[in-house]
Amino acid sequence: DFELDVEPPRSQSRAARSSTKMPMSATSALDFDVEDDDDAARRSRARSPTTVERDRDQEFEDRVKETSAEVYPIVRAMFLTRDRVAKLIEHPRYKDALHTAFVRVLIGVSQGRKTYRLAYVYEVVEHENSRVYRVQLQSGEEVHTNRKLALKAGSDSHREFRVDQLSNSPFTESEFNFWLRNAIKRESTPDKSHEIALLAHLASIEGAPLNKDEMEIQLQRRRKFKKLEQDIYEELQDISARHK
C-alpha cells in the first residue's frame, strides 16, 4: 500500500493505483480498535491449535522476525512527531512532505490506559466545512489548520485524525509489532526506496525558504482562518446575547 507517487491515491485512476500499490486484502477496522494487545493475544490462544496451525504460526513468526530487522530502521526514518507534522501541515507542498510518513496516534483508552497505534499517512484531507483547530507545539507556538490525516495501521481501512491526536513520543516495540503483523499479512511493508523518496521531499521542504507564490498561499490561508475565527466568535456572542 506504499507508492512512490506523492499525490494522494484518490487523484489517480484505478489502473494507475493497481500498478503502483502493493496488493491488499479485505478491509479491516480492527487496526484502530482500542482492545488491549495482550488481551487479543490471549484470546487467540483460547483453543489448542492443530499441528498445521502451529507450523503456519511458526512460519509467520519467523517471517515477522526476519522482516522486522529490515523494516524497523526504514519506519523509524520515516517517522514524524506531532510537532513536525504540525509545522508541515500548512506548507503549500504538504502532500509531498506527509504522504506515506509514519506517525504515532492516540486512538482511545483501554482499561484506564491510553492506546496508541503506529500508522502511516495515507492522505491529507481537507473537507469543505472542516473546522479550524489549534495544535499546541512544545515550544509554546500554535499552528492553526483545518486539515486532518487519513491514517492506515497496516490494513486497507483508514480513519481521519486531527494533528493534535498525534504523539511527540517515539513508537514502542509493541506498537511497531502490531503494525508490522498487519502489514506483512497484506504485503504492504515499505522498502528503502520509500524512505529515500520521503526523506528527499522533507529535505527539500524543511531546508528551503518559501518562494513568493508559496508565501502568498500561506497568507491567504491565515487570513481565511482569522475570518472564520471571527465569524465563530460573533456567532457565539449572538447566541449568548439571545439567552440573557
Protein backbone atom coordinates (compact mmCIF):
# COMPACT_ATOMS: atom_id res chain seq x y z
CA ASP A 1 0.00 0.00 0.00
CA PHE A 2 3.00 2.22 -0.47
CA GLU A 3 3.65 4.21 -3.61
CA LEU A 4 6.43 6.46 -4.81
CA ASP A 5 3.94 8.87 -6.35
CA VAL A 6 3.40 11.50 -3.67
CA GLU A 7 -0.02 12.53 -4.95
CA PRO A 8 -2.92 11.15 -2.85
CA PRO A 9 -4.25 7.85 -4.21
CA ARG A 10 -7.72 9.25 -4.94
CA SER A 11 -6.27 11.52 -7.63
CA GLN A 12 -5.06 8.54 -9.66
CA SER A 13 -7.04 6.35 -11.99
CA ARG A 14 -7.96 2.84 -10.91
CA ALA A 15 -5.46 1.41 -13.38
CA ALA A 16 -2.68 3.64 -12.04
CA ARG A 17 -3.45 2.67 -8.47
CA SER A 18 -3.32 -1.04 -9.25
CA SER A 19 0.05 -0.64 -10.96
CA THR A 20 1.73 1.32 -8.13
CA LYS A 21 0.25 -0.24 -4.99
CA MET A 22 1.20 -3.48 -3.35
CA PRO A 23 -1.69 -5.96 -3.20
CA MET A 24 -4.06 -5.56 -0.25
CA SER A 25 -6.62 -7.88 1.29
CA ALA A 26 -10.09 -7.16 2.65
CA THR A 27 -10.76 -4.03 4.67
CA SER A 28 -10.40 -4.37 8.44
CA ALA A 29 -11.48 -1.85 11.07
CA LEU A 30 -9.71 -3.69 13.88
CA ASP A 31 -6.41 -1.88 13.40
CA PHE A 32 -7.82 1.13 15.24
CA ASP A 33 -9.71 -0.91 17.85
CA VAL A 34 -8.78 0.05 21.42
CA GLU A 35 -8.70 -3.52 22.72
CA ASP A 36 -5.56 -4.20 24.70
CA ASP A 37 -2.99 -6.01 22.53
CA ASP A 38 -2.26 -8.55 25.28
CA ASP A 39 -5.97 -9.37 25.59
CA ALA A 40 -6.16 -10.00 21.86
CA ALA A 41 -3.16 -12.32 22.03
CA ARG A 42 -4.65 -14.27 24.95
CA ARG A 43 -7.95 -14.62 23.12
CA SER A 44 -6.17 -16.04 20.06
CA ARG A 45 -4.66 -18.74 22.29
CA ALA A 46 -8.01 -19.70 23.86
CA ARG A 47 -8.20 -23.01 21.96
CA SER A 48 -5.46 -25.51 21.24
CA PRO A 49 -4.04 -25.10 17.72
CA THR A 50 -3.66 -28.02 15.34
CA THR A 51 -0.27 -29.16 14.08
CA VAL A 52 -0.87 -27.45 10.74
CA GLU A 53 -1.81 -24.23 12.51
CA ARG A 54 1.26 -24.40 14.76
CA ASP A 55 3.52 -24.87 11.74
CA ARG A 56 1.82 -21.99 9.96
CA ASP A 57 2.10 -19.76 13.03
CA GLN A 58 5.78 -20.56 13.42
CA GLU A 59 6.40 -19.80 9.78
CA PHE A 60 4.65 -16.46 10.21
CA GLU A 61 6.65 -15.66 13.37
CA ASP A 62 9.87 -16.40 11.52
CA ARG A 63 8.80 -14.05 8.75
CA VAL A 64 7.92 -11.33 11.27
CA LYS A 65 11.35 -11.62 12.87
CA GLU A 66 13.15 -11.53 9.54
CA THR A 67 11.09 -8.62 8.19
CA SER A 68 11.38 -6.63 11.41
CA ALA A 69 15.16 -6.41 11.15
CA GLU A 70 14.85 -4.97 7.64
CA VAL A 71 11.80 -2.73 8.03
CA TYR A 72 12.27 -1.24 11.52
CA PRO A 73 15.07 1.22 10.56
CA ILE A 74 13.07 2.27 7.49
CA VAL A 75 9.94 3.02 9.51
CA ARG A 76 11.96 4.83 12.16
CA ALA A 77 13.50 7.07 9.46
CA MET A 78 10.04 7.80 8.02
CA PHE A 79 8.50 8.58 11.43
CA LEU A 80 7.32 12.13 12.21
CA THR A 81 6.39 13.60 15.59
CA ARG A 82 3.28 15.70 16.21
CA ASP A 83 5.27 18.95 16.24
CA ARG A 84 6.97 18.13 12.96
CA VAL A 85 3.67 17.25 11.29
CA ALA A 86 2.10 20.45 12.64
CA LYS A 87 4.87 22.54 11.12
CA LEU A 88 4.38 20.83 7.75
CA ILE A 89 0.58 20.56 7.58
CA GLU A 90 0.13 24.16 6.37
CA HIS A 91 3.08 24.17 3.99
CA PRO A 92 1.99 24.65 0.34
CA ARG A 93 3.74 21.36 -0.51
CA TYR A 94 2.38 19.47 2.49
CA LYS A 95 1.34 16.47 0.38
CA ASP A 96 4.93 15.77 -0.62
CA ALA A 97 6.09 16.06 2.98
CA LEU A 98 3.45 13.95 4.70
CA HIS A 99 2.17 11.31 2.28
CA THR A 100 3.50 7.86 3.40
CA ALA A 101 5.14 9.24 6.58
CA PHE A 102 4.62 7.26 9.80
CA VAL A 103 3.06 8.72 12.95
CA ARG A 104 2.00 7.55 16.41
CA VAL A 105 -1.68 8.29 17.00
CA LEU A 106 -3.85 8.17 20.12
CA ILE A 107 -6.96 6.12 19.32
CA GLY A 108 -8.60 5.84 22.73
CA VAL A 109 -8.36 4.49 26.26
CA SER A 110 -8.45 0.81 27.25
CA GLN A 111 -8.72 -0.19 30.92
CA GLY A 112 -7.57 3.26 32.00
CA ARG A 113 -4.55 3.24 29.68
CA LYS A 114 -4.07 5.31 26.56
CA THR A 115 -3.91 3.20 23.41
CA TYR A 116 -1.67 4.29 20.54
CA ARG A 117 -1.19 2.87 17.07
CA LEU A 118 1.69 3.21 14.67
CA ALA A 119 0.15 4.26 11.36
CA TYR A 120 1.18 5.83 8.10
CA VAL A 121 -0.29 8.83 6.33
CA TYR A 122 -2.49 7.57 3.52
CA GLU A 123 -3.73 11.04 2.65
CA VAL A 124 -4.05 14.59 3.97
CA VAL A 125 -7.71 15.60 3.84
CA GLU A 126 -9.44 18.96 3.91
CA HIS A 127 -13.22 18.97 3.74
CA GLU A 128 -15.21 21.99 2.62
CA ASN A 129 -16.72 22.57 6.05
CA SER A 130 -13.77 21.43 8.16
CA ARG A 131 -13.44 23.37 11.40
CA VAL A 132 -10.20 25.17 12.14
CA TYR A 133 -8.40 23.85 15.23
CA ARG A 134 -5.17 24.69 17.05
CA VAL A 135 -2.16 22.46 17.59
CA GLN A 136 0.00 23.43 20.57
CA LEU A 137 3.70 22.88 19.94
CA GLN A 138 6.17 22.04 22.69
CA SER A 139 7.83 25.41 22.04
CA GLY A 140 4.60 27.16 23.04
CA GLU A 141 3.75 28.18 19.48
CA GLU A 142 0.38 27.36 17.93
CA VAL A 143 -0.47 26.13 14.46
CA HIS A 144 -3.94 26.70 13.06
CA THR A 145 -5.24 24.24 10.46
CA ASN A 146 -8.41 22.58 9.22
CA ARG A 147 -6.60 19.63 7.67
CA LYS A 148 -6.66 16.09 9.01
CA LEU A 149 -4.66 12.95 8.32
CA ALA A 150 -6.23 9.81 6.88
CA LEU A 151 -4.19 7.09 8.58
CA LYS A 152 -3.73 3.38 7.97
CA ALA A 153 -2.43 1.00 10.61
CA GLY A 154 -1.47 -1.84 8.30
CA SER A 155 -4.73 -2.74 6.59
CA ASP A 156 -6.78 -1.27 3.78
CA SER A 157 -9.03 0.58 6.24
CA HIS A 158 -8.27 4.14 7.24
CA ARG A 159 -9.56 6.75 9.68
CA GLU A 160 -9.18 10.51 9.84
CA PHE A 161 -7.38 12.10 12.80
CA ARG A 162 -6.55 15.64 13.81
CA VAL A 163 -2.88 16.53 14.16
CA ASP A 164 -3.34 17.17 17.91
CA GLN A 165 -4.17 13.46 18.30
CA LEU A 166 -0.62 12.53 17.32
CA SER A 167 2.17 11.84 19.79
CA ASN A 168 5.53 13.53 20.15
CA SER A 169 6.98 10.34 21.64
CA PRO A 170 8.62 7.54 19.63
CA PHE A 171 6.55 4.47 18.86
CA THR A 172 7.07 1.46 21.11
CA GLU A 173 8.22 -2.02 20.15
CA SER A 174 4.73 -3.47 20.73
CA GLU A 175 3.16 -0.75 18.56
CA PHE A 176 5.63 -1.49 15.79
CA ASN A 177 4.98 -5.23 16.02
CA PHE A 178 1.21 -4.70 15.91
CA TRP A 179 1.55 -2.64 12.73
CA LEU A 180 4.14 -4.99 11.23
CA ARG A 181 1.99 -8.10 11.62
CA ASN A 182 -0.90 -6.44 9.81
CA ALA A 183 1.39 -5.08 7.12
CA ILE A 184 3.01 -8.46 6.47
CA LYS A 185 -0.37 -10.16 6.14
CA ARG A 186 -1.25 -7.65 3.45
CA GLU A 187 2.16 -7.47 1.77
CA SER A 188 2.32 -3.73 2.45
CA THR A 189 5.66 -3.03 4.13
CA PRO A 190 7.80 -0.13 2.87
CA ASP A 191 11.24 -0.58 1.40
CA LYS A 192 14.33 1.60 1.12
CA SER A 193 13.01 3.40 -1.97
CA HIS A 194 10.04 4.74 0.01
CA GLU A 195 12.35 6.01 2.73
CA ILE A 196 14.61 7.74 0.21
CA ALA A 197 11.67 9.39 -1.58
CA LEU A 198 10.08 10.72 1.63
CA LEU A 199 13.35 11.99 3.11
CA ALA A 200 14.17 13.77 -0.15
CA HIS A 201 10.80 15.56 -0.06
CA LEU A 202 11.28 16.52 3.59
CA ALA A 203 14.77 17.86 2.95
CA SER A 204 13.61 19.97 0.01
CA ILE A 205 10.76 21.47 2.04
CA GLU A 206 12.24 21.90 5.52
CA GLY A 207 15.60 23.09 4.25
CA ALA A 208 14.37 25.77 1.85
CA PRO A 209 12.56 29.11 2.32
CA LEU A 210 9.14 29.66 0.81
CA ASN A 211 9.06 31.28 -2.61
CA LYS A 212 6.82 34.26 -3.34
CA ASP A 213 3.85 32.20 -4.55
CA GLU A 214 4.07 29.84 -1.56
CA MET A 215 4.16 32.77 0.87
CA GLU A 216 1.04 34.21 -0.73
CA ILE A 217 -0.75 30.87 -0.39
CA GLN A 218 0.08 30.74 3.32
CA LEU A 219 -1.03 34.33 3.87
CA GLN A 220 -4.35 33.67 2.16
CA ARG A 221 -5.00 30.64 4.38
CA ARG A 222 -4.12 32.59 7.54
CA ARG A 223 -6.50 35.38 6.55
CA LYS A 224 -9.19 32.77 5.91
CA PHE A 225 -8.66 31.17 9.33
CA LYS A 226 -8.72 34.56 11.04
CA LYS A 227 -12.03 35.41 9.37
CA LEU A 228 -13.51 32.03 10.32
CA GLU A 229 -12.48 32.52 13.94
CA GLN A 230 -14.02 36.00 13.95
CA ASP A 231 -17.25 34.63 12.46
CA ILE A 232 -17.40 31.91 15.14
CA TYR A 233 -16.74 34.47 17.89
CA GLU A 234 -19.51 36.74 16.63
CA GLU A 235 -21.90 33.78 16.35
CA LEU A 236 -21.19 32.77 19.95
CA GLN A 237 -21.66 36.34 21.12
CA ASP A 238 -25.01 36.46 19.33
CA ILE A 239 -26.14 33.18 20.92
CA SER A 240 -25.07 34.42 24.34
CA ALA A 241 -26.97 37.68 23.91
CA ARG A 242 -30.17 35.87 22.89
CA HIS A 243 -30.10 33.71 26.01
CA LYS A 244 -29.63 36.54 28.53
